[in-house]
Every structure is written in structure tokens, then in C-alpha cells.
Amino acid sequence: MSLHYIAPFIYPLFPGEERLLRFIVPMQRLLDNHSVAGLDFELNLSTRKWANGTCLRQDDLVLAVRNGRVERPEILLEEKSEYFGYIETEITASIPMFHSVLYEIGYGMITTPMGQASVIEMPKFADPRVIRQIRETGRYSLAHTAAMVDQERNLDDYFLVINPYSKAIVVRLFNSRGDMIRRTVPNNSTLPISLREILRPGLPEAVFLSAPQRVIAYDVRAPFDHPEDCNTVDHLDPFRGEAAFIAGGWKRYIRSTLRRFQFNRRYGLS
């Protein structure tokens, strides 16, 4: 089944005139990897800028595709913001021609007075492994294993949490000792949550995020006095927590035994 659209992808925005987000949308590569080849149609690239629950601006760019070739193979986008926010970019086609709703991972660059930091875009909607996680555990969970704050070295660490949906979401952050931070992220908003309350100065620790539904979150390191001047912007990985042992039956045992026998015979192993 072919689709009219690819799930919107999101980049964070940091406040200030001197802080610039820059990223490229590879339109031709996207078509080559995710669409039916050799068709004529139109693509719409819609970019929405969100902050504090409000869509501040929407831009739409219509591109012609002829015989599978788009008129502008790459689109460079640049954005500044007065607030912590996010950019949501959605691609739709005039005919159903995409193989998958999920877009391949891309990279952006955030420029601040401190330098530059790379950032990975994240899809607005969940991928299959996240859907399985929520189905199995009833919660959405993320983890970062090397969070650290150190005021003497002017090193702060916070989770930048993006809620791209129309309803507020309550998130909880835990360290390995069970200390917790609880915050409400308003709808269509980006909230920096400092980890100072649950981290011991100068010691790297694991931090877990839990929410009733999916949110987008990054671990951001920045100076204590300028949290918007990010040094690093690391995306967080879903915490799976799946069982290491899976109970099997006779069918599973017979299949695994047969595969092992065929492998050993093929390579001359005993």
C-alpha cells in the first residue's frame, strides 16, 4: 500500500538572535529511497514553527516531480526563535506513492556563540519498536546513561522535552537511586528540564524519562549561566526492558536445531 505522506519530522529551536538552526531536506534522496519510481506528481513541503503552544508561522513549498526527478533535489532551511520551540516539517504528495510513513534519519546544525552542535531530527509519530514498548509496559520510556552537572566547571545538563501534540503531557525523570523530577510539558511546546535536582555534581549518572505517551527529548549540555548555548544535543534512546529469556516450545527448538545443523554442515563445523 502506498501513502500520500511521510510522518512529520522535528528539530528543536533554541532562543536568541545568535542561535541558528540549519538543516537540509534531501528531496531527491527521499524519493529514491521511499517512493514509487518514475512518476509525475507534486510534492508539498510544509514547515511549521511552534513555541509555547502556538504555531508562529507556516510555510508551504510546492515542487514538481517529473519521471521521478524533483525540480529542487535539496532544500536548505534556516530558522531562529525568540523562545525554546521546534520546527515541524511535513512532506505530502499529490498521489499515493510513499512506501513507508517513517522518514530516514537526517542531521541539522545548531550555531550558538559557543560554537556549533549537531542534532538529529526525530519523527513526530512513534516507530514500531516504541509502539511495542508502550503496549508491553503501558508507559513511554527514554534513557541517557551519561548525564552530568558540574557547576565548578560551568557544565549544566538538562533534558529538552518536546510535546508536539495538542494535549499537555506529564513527564517524570529518575536517577538510578530513585530521585524524581515531575514536570508538565504543555501542548505544542518545548520545555528544558534541568537535571541539577537529581544529579550529584561531577559524577556521570543514568537518567530515565517516563511519560504516558511518546514525547521527543534530547540531552543538552550547556554552560550554567547560558542554557541556550548548547555544547551537545544528544537524542535519547527508547528504554526497551525486554526479557533476556524468551520461553519457547518444540517448534522453536526444532527450527533452531535445524538451522544450527545446516550452518555447521555448510562451514564444516562439528
Protein backbone atom coordinates (compact mmCIF):
# COMPACT_ATOMS: atom_id res chain seq x y z
CA MET A 1 0.00 0.00 0.00
CA SER A 2 1.34 3.43 -0.95
CA LEU A 3 0.82 6.57 1.12
CA HIS A 4 0.27 10.27 0.40
CA TYR A 5 2.59 11.46 3.19
CA ILE A 6 5.64 10.81 5.35
CA ALA A 7 5.40 11.38 9.11
CA PRO A 8 6.48 14.92 10.04
CA PHE A 9 9.99 15.27 11.44
CA ILE A 10 11.04 17.67 14.18
CA TYR A 11 14.10 19.72 15.14
CA PRO A 12 14.48 21.73 18.40
CA LEU A 13 14.88 25.51 18.44
CA PHE A 14 16.98 27.44 20.96
CA PRO A 15 16.10 31.07 21.82
CA GLY A 16 18.13 34.09 20.77
CA GLU A 17 19.06 36.03 17.67
CA GLU A 18 22.55 34.48 17.66
CA ARG A 19 21.25 30.89 17.71
CA LEU A 20 20.51 29.40 14.30
CA LEU A 21 19.14 26.00 13.27
CA ARG A 22 20.18 24.91 9.79
CA PHE A 23 19.26 21.63 8.08
CA ILE A 24 18.77 20.16 4.60
CA VAL A 25 15.73 18.24 3.39
CA PRO A 26 17.10 15.79 0.76
CA MET A 27 14.06 15.65 -1.51
CA GLN A 28 15.56 13.56 -4.30
CA ARG A 29 17.19 11.05 -1.97
CA LEU A 30 13.89 10.75 -0.12
CA LEU A 31 12.10 9.94 -3.39
CA ASP A 32 14.79 7.47 -4.45
CA ASN A 33 14.61 5.58 -1.15
CA HIS A 34 10.94 5.84 -0.17
CA SER A 35 8.74 6.21 -3.24
CA VAL A 36 7.49 4.58 -6.40
CA ALA A 37 9.94 5.39 -9.21
CA GLY A 38 9.29 7.18 -12.49
CA LEU A 39 6.02 9.01 -11.67
CA ASP A 40 4.81 12.56 -12.34
CA PHE A 41 3.21 14.37 -9.39
CA GLU A 42 3.64 17.29 -6.99
CA LEU A 43 5.26 17.42 -3.56
CA ASN A 44 4.35 19.86 -0.81
CA LEU A 45 6.97 20.69 1.81
CA SER A 46 5.19 22.25 4.79
CA THR A 47 7.27 23.80 7.59
CA ARG A 48 5.61 24.87 10.85
CA LYS A 49 7.32 26.82 13.63
CA TRP A 50 5.93 26.12 17.14
CA ALA A 51 6.56 27.70 20.54
CA ASN A 52 4.52 27.96 23.74
CA GLY A 53 1.52 26.16 22.29
CA THR A 54 1.23 28.40 19.22
CA CYS A 55 2.07 27.88 15.56
CA LEU A 56 4.02 31.05 14.87
CA ARG A 57 4.37 30.52 11.13
CA GLN A 58 3.70 28.01 8.39
CA ASP A 59 5.49 27.93 5.04
CA ASP A 60 4.46 25.71 2.11
CA LEU A 61 6.64 24.95 -0.89
CA VAL A 62 5.17 23.05 -3.87
CA LEU A 63 7.66 21.17 -6.04
CA ALA A 64 7.06 19.45 -9.38
CA VAL A 65 8.29 15.88 -9.90
CA ARG A 66 8.68 14.59 -13.46
CA ASN A 67 9.63 11.00 -14.18
CA GLY A 68 10.70 10.64 -10.55
CA ARG A 69 13.03 13.67 -10.58
CA VAL A 70 12.19 16.63 -8.33
CA GLU A 71 12.95 20.16 -9.52
CA ARG A 72 14.93 21.01 -6.34
CA PRO A 73 16.88 17.95 -5.13
CA GLU A 74 17.80 19.57 -1.78
CA ILE A 75 16.10 22.25 0.32
CA LEU A 76 18.19 24.21 2.84
CA LEU A 77 16.14 25.54 5.77
CA GLU A 78 17.31 28.00 8.42
CA GLU A 79 15.42 29.15 11.49
CA LYS A 80 15.81 31.36 14.58
CA SER A 81 13.48 31.71 17.55
CA GLU A 82 12.74 34.02 20.47
CA TYR A 83 11.80 31.03 22.64
CA PHE A 84 12.54 27.36 23.15
CA GLY A 85 10.45 25.74 20.43
CA TYR A 86 10.59 23.35 17.50
CA ILE A 87 10.32 23.11 13.74
CA GLU A 88 7.90 20.54 12.31
CA THR A 89 8.40 19.67 8.65
CA GLU A 90 5.91 17.53 6.73
CA ILE A 91 6.09 16.20 3.17
CA THR A 92 2.96 15.20 1.25
CA ALA A 93 2.40 14.09 -2.35
CA SER A 94 -0.49 14.70 -4.74
CA ILE A 95 -0.77 10.93 -5.32
CA PRO A 96 -0.13 7.93 -3.03
CA MET A 97 3.49 6.98 -3.73
CA PHE A 98 5.46 6.61 -0.45
CA HIS A 99 6.37 3.09 0.70
CA SER A 100 6.65 3.96 4.40
CA VAL A 101 5.34 6.57 6.80
CA LEU A 102 8.71 6.91 8.55
CA TYR A 103 11.42 9.19 7.21
CA GLU A 104 15.09 8.24 7.30
CA ILE A 105 17.22 9.98 9.91
CA GLY A 106 18.82 13.30 8.97
CA TYR A 107 21.07 15.80 10.70
CA GLY A 108 20.96 19.50 11.42
CA MET A 109 23.38 22.03 12.86
CA ILE A 110 22.72 24.50 15.68
CA THR A 111 25.03 27.52 15.75
CA THR A 112 25.46 29.49 19.01
CA PRO A 113 28.03 32.00 20.30
CA MET A 114 29.77 28.97 21.90
CA GLY A 115 30.19 27.17 18.57
CA GLN A 116 28.19 24.53 16.74
CA ALA A 117 26.35 21.37 17.80
CA SER A 118 24.86 18.70 15.55
CA VAL A 119 21.31 17.47 16.17
CA ILE A 120 19.33 14.51 14.81
CA GLU A 121 15.78 15.07 13.63
CA MET A 122 13.10 12.90 15.22
CA PRO A 123 9.79 11.70 13.72
CA LYS A 124 6.64 13.18 15.23
CA PHE A 125 4.96 9.79 15.49
CA ALA A 126 6.26 6.58 17.03
CA ASP A 127 8.09 3.85 15.16
CA PRO A 128 7.07 0.17 15.62
CA ARG A 129 9.52 -0.55 18.46
CA VAL A 130 8.12 2.35 20.50
CA ILE A 131 4.56 1.19 19.85
CA ARG A 132 5.54 -2.28 21.12
CA GLN A 133 7.19 -0.74 24.19
CA ILE A 134 4.09 1.21 25.17
CA ARG A 135 1.86 -1.80 24.50
CA GLU A 136 4.02 -4.03 26.72
CA THR A 137 4.78 -1.62 29.59
CA GLY A 138 1.94 0.92 29.44
CA ARG A 139 4.48 3.80 29.56
CA TYR A 140 6.89 5.53 27.22
CA SER A 141 10.47 5.38 28.49
CA LEU A 142 13.73 7.00 27.41
CA ALA A 143 17.21 6.69 28.87
CA HIS A 144 20.51 8.57 28.86
CA THR A 145 23.46 6.89 30.55
CA ALA A 146 25.98 9.74 30.92
CA ALA A 147 24.22 12.84 32.24
CA MET A 148 26.39 15.11 34.40
CA VAL A 149 26.39 18.57 36.02
CA ASP A 150 29.40 20.37 37.46
CA GLN A 151 28.98 24.00 38.48
CA GLU A 152 32.71 24.48 39.19
CA ARG A 153 33.38 23.68 35.51
CA ASN A 154 30.29 25.67 34.38
CA LEU A 155 28.73 22.48 32.98
CA ASP A 156 24.95 22.15 33.11
CA ASP A 157 22.83 19.28 31.80
CA TYR A 158 19.13 19.27 31.03
CA PHE A 159 16.54 17.31 29.10
CA LEU A 160 14.90 19.33 26.33
CA VAL A 161 11.43 17.78 26.05
CA ILE A 162 9.20 18.47 23.04
CA ASN A 163 5.46 17.81 23.17
CA PRO A 164 4.24 18.13 19.54
CA TYR A 165 0.65 17.15 20.37
CA SER A 166 -2.49 19.11 21.29
CA LYS A 167 -2.68 17.88 24.90
CA ALA A 168 -0.30 18.51 27.83
CA ILE A 169 1.88 15.57 28.93
CA VAL A 170 3.29 14.91 32.41
CA VAL A 171 6.84 13.54 32.34
CA ARG A 172 8.91 12.12 35.19
CA LEU A 173 12.72 11.96 35.31
CA PHE A 174 14.55 9.49 37.57
CA ASN A 175 18.14 8.80 38.50
CA SER A 176 19.39 5.32 39.40
CA ARG A 177 18.72 5.99 43.11
CA GLY A 178 15.05 6.72 42.53
CA ASP A 179 15.12 10.52 42.94
CA MET A 180 12.47 12.09 40.71
CA ILE A 181 11.60 15.30 38.88
CA ARG A 182 7.98 15.75 37.72
CA ARG A 183 7.06 18.34 35.09
CA THR A 184 4.11 19.11 32.83
CA VAL A 185 5.01 19.84 29.21
CA PRO A 186 2.24 21.99 27.67
CA ASN A 187 0.80 21.15 24.28
CA ASN A 188 2.89 22.05 21.22
CA SER A 189 5.72 23.29 23.43
CA THR A 190 9.37 22.69 24.26
CA LEU A 191 10.44 22.56 27.90
CA PRO A 192 14.05 22.48 29.23
CA ILE A 193 14.18 20.42 32.46
CA SER A 194 17.39 20.88 34.47
CA LEU A 195 18.89 17.71 35.96
CA ARG A 196 20.56 19.53 38.87
CA GLU A 197 17.92 18.26 41.32
CA ILE A 198 18.75 14.59 40.77
CA LEU A 199 22.45 14.57 39.76
CA ARG A 200 25.43 14.67 42.09
CA PRO A 201 27.98 17.30 40.96
CA GLY A 202 30.81 15.94 38.85
CA LEU A 203 29.50 12.36 38.67
CA PRO A 204 28.05 10.92 35.44
CA GLU A 205 24.79 9.09 36.03
CA ALA A 206 21.97 7.43 34.12
CA VAL A 207 18.70 9.34 33.86
CA PHE A 208 15.39 7.82 32.78
CA LEU A 209 12.36 9.63 31.40
CA SER A 210 8.86 8.19 31.73
CA ALA A 211 5.64 9.52 30.19
CA PRO A 212 2.13 8.18 29.49
CA GLN A 213 2.69 8.70 25.74
CA ARG A 214 5.55 9.44 23.40
CA VAL A 215 7.46 12.70 23.65
CA ILE A 216 10.63 13.83 21.90
CA ALA A 217 13.60 14.51 24.18
CA TYR A 218 17.26 15.46 23.90
CA ASP A 219 20.03 15.58 26.48
CA VAL A 220 21.61 19.04 26.22
CA ARG A 221 24.86 20.15 27.81
CA ALA A 222 25.43 23.88 28.14
CA PRO A 223 27.02 26.46 30.46
CA PHE A 224 25.26 27.04 33.79
CA ASP A 225 24.72 30.71 33.02
CA HIS A 226 23.64 30.26 29.36
CA PRO A 227 21.47 27.13 28.92
CA GLU A 228 20.55 28.18 25.37
CA ASP A 229 24.22 27.92 24.24
CA CYS A 230 24.24 24.16 23.74
CA ASN A 231 27.54 22.28 23.56
CA THR A 232 25.97 18.95 22.67
CA VAL A 233 22.43 17.90 21.74
CA ASP A 234 22.06 14.11 22.08
CA HIS A 235 18.83 12.31 21.19
CA LEU A 236 17.60 9.81 23.76
CA ASP A 237 17.04 6.14 23.03
CA PRO A 238 13.86 4.25 23.94
CA PHE A 239 14.36 2.07 27.01
CA ARG A 240 13.23 -1.41 25.96
CA GLY A 241 13.49 -3.51 29.14
CA GLU A 242 12.59 -6.65 27.23
CA ALA A 243 13.14 -10.10 28.71
CA ALA A 244 16.55 -11.67 28.09
CA PHE A 245 14.95 -15.12 28.11
CA ILE A 246 12.03 -15.98 25.83
CA ALA A 247 10.18 -19.19 26.58
CA GLY A 248 9.96 -21.50 23.57
CA GLY A 249 8.23 -24.68 22.53
CA TRP A 250 9.06 -27.73 20.47
CA LYS A 251 8.60 -25.89 17.15
CA ARG A 252 11.12 -23.20 18.16
CA TYR A 253 13.56 -25.85 19.40
CA ILE A 254 13.31 -27.91 16.19
CA ARG A 255 13.77 -24.84 13.96
CA SER A 256 16.83 -23.61 15.89
CA THR A 257 18.36 -27.11 15.92
CA LEU A 258 17.84 -27.46 12.17
CA ARG A 259 19.39 -24.04 11.47
CA ARG A 260 22.40 -24.87 13.64
CA PHE A 261 22.85 -28.23 11.85
CA GLN A 262 22.68 -26.58 8.41
CA PHE A 263 25.16 -23.89 9.45
CA ASN A 264 27.66 -26.42 10.84
CA ARG A 265 27.37 -28.63 7.77
CA ARG A 266 27.83 -25.70 5.38
CA TYR A 267 31.03 -24.49 7.05
CA GLY A 268 32.42 -27.88 8.06
CA LEU A 269 31.98 -27.36 11.78
CA SER A 270 31.48 -30.18 14.24
